[in-house]
């Protein structure tokens, strides 16, 4: 699995810039949450370098290692591994 960011840093003025390749359409909102829990500019949740390595991530994917850790797991019928486990599996694969 890959995670993409919808904003890129603009070195000239330090303000986030929308990445046209991943900009949301009106029918597919990128930010479905009604609020910004971490208070970041433009709801940015992660920072990474051009190689794709994640340097910082706010949502803490490690909290969702198993389906039962998802807040709506019973309503959604989730079972098995959670998406957050992929972060750790990818790290292990990288160093192997």
Protein backbone atom coordinates (compact mmCIF):
# COMPACT_ATOMS: atom_id res chain seq x y z
CA UNK A 1 0.00 0.00 0.00
CA UNK A 2 1.13 3.53 -0.71
CA UNK A 3 0.09 6.74 0.96
CA UNK A 4 0.06 9.95 -1.04
CA UNK A 5 0.04 13.54 0.13
CA UNK A 6 -2.23 16.08 -1.48
CA UNK A 7 0.02 19.05 -0.65
CA UNK A 8 3.63 19.79 -1.38
CA UNK A 9 5.88 22.32 0.31
CA UNK A 10 6.77 25.37 -1.77
CA UNK A 11 10.30 26.39 -0.77
CA UNK A 12 9.94 29.95 -2.09
CA UNK A 13 7.27 31.05 0.38
CA UNK A 14 6.89 28.08 2.73
CA UNK A 15 3.18 27.67 2.04
CA UNK A 16 1.59 24.34 1.10
CA UNK A 17 0.67 23.95 -2.55
CA UNK A 18 -1.95 21.60 -3.91
CA UNK A 19 -0.55 18.76 -5.97
CA UNK A 20 -2.72 18.65 -9.13
CA UNK A 21 -2.10 14.91 -9.50
CA UNK A 22 -3.88 14.18 -6.22
CA UNK A 23 -6.26 17.12 -5.88
CA UNK A 24 -9.78 16.09 -4.85
CA UNK A 25 -12.73 16.34 -7.18
CA UNK A 26 -16.12 17.62 -6.07
CA UNK A 27 -17.52 14.07 -6.15
CA UNK A 28 -14.62 12.56 -4.19
CA UNK A 29 -13.69 14.81 -1.26
CA UNK A 30 -10.15 14.23 -0.02
CA UNK A 31 -10.86 15.52 3.49
CA UNK A 32 -14.16 13.98 4.63
CA UNK A 33 -13.69 14.96 8.26
CA UNK A 34 -15.55 18.10 9.33
CA UNK A 35 -12.72 19.31 11.55
CA UNK A 36 -8.94 19.42 11.73
CA UNK A 37 -7.97 17.56 14.93
CA UNK A 38 -4.23 18.27 14.74
CA UNK A 39 -4.53 21.98 13.81
CA UNK A 40 -2.12 21.74 10.87
CA UNK A 41 -2.13 24.09 7.90
CA UNK A 42 -4.37 22.70 5.12
CA UNK A 43 -5.01 19.54 7.21
CA UNK A 44 -1.56 18.18 6.34
CA UNK A 45 -1.12 14.89 8.18
CA UNK A 46 2.25 13.69 6.92
CA UNK A 47 5.61 14.89 5.71
CA UNK A 48 7.91 13.01 3.40
CA UNK A 49 10.85 13.48 1.09
CA UNK A 50 10.84 13.05 -2.72
CA UNK A 51 11.87 9.39 -2.37
CA UNK A 52 8.57 8.63 -0.63
CA UNK A 53 10.01 7.87 2.78
CA UNK A 54 7.68 9.15 5.47
CA UNK A 55 9.40 11.52 7.90
CA UNK A 56 6.41 12.25 10.08
CA UNK A 57 2.81 11.12 10.23
CA UNK A 58 0.09 12.51 12.48
CA UNK A 59 -2.72 9.89 12.25
CA UNK A 60 -0.64 7.20 13.99
CA UNK A 61 -1.31 4.19 11.73
CA UNK A 62 0.27 1.93 14.35
CA UNK A 63 -2.92 2.24 16.39
CA UNK A 64 -4.76 0.25 13.72
CA UNK A 65 -2.82 -3.01 13.64
CA UNK A 66 -5.87 -5.23 13.87
CA UNK A 67 -9.40 -4.70 12.58
CA UNK A 68 -10.80 -4.59 16.12
CA UNK A 69 -8.82 -1.39 16.76
CA UNK A 70 -10.78 0.52 14.10
CA UNK A 71 -13.50 2.67 15.72
CA UNK A 72 -16.19 1.34 13.36
CA UNK A 73 -14.99 -2.23 12.97
CA UNK A 74 -18.30 -3.81 13.99
CA UNK A 75 -20.40 -1.57 11.72
CA UNK A 76 -18.05 -2.07 8.78
CA UNK A 77 -17.59 -5.79 9.41
CA UNK A 78 -13.80 -5.52 9.43
CA UNK A 79 -11.70 -8.57 10.24
CA UNK A 80 -8.03 -9.52 10.22
CA UNK A 81 -5.09 -7.17 10.00
CA UNK A 82 -5.53 -3.42 10.04
CA UNK A 83 -4.03 -1.09 7.44
CA UNK A 84 -1.54 0.30 9.97
CA UNK A 85 0.32 -3.00 10.09
CA UNK A 86 1.55 -2.34 6.54
CA UNK A 87 3.73 0.49 7.87
CA UNK A 88 5.68 -1.94 10.04
CA UNK A 89 5.78 -4.72 7.44
CA UNK A 90 7.20 -2.29 4.88
CA UNK A 91 9.88 -1.17 7.34
CA UNK A 92 10.91 -4.77 8.04
CA UNK A 93 11.00 -5.58 4.31
CA UNK A 94 13.13 -2.50 3.63
CA UNK A 95 15.77 -3.51 6.17
CA UNK A 96 15.77 -7.20 5.20
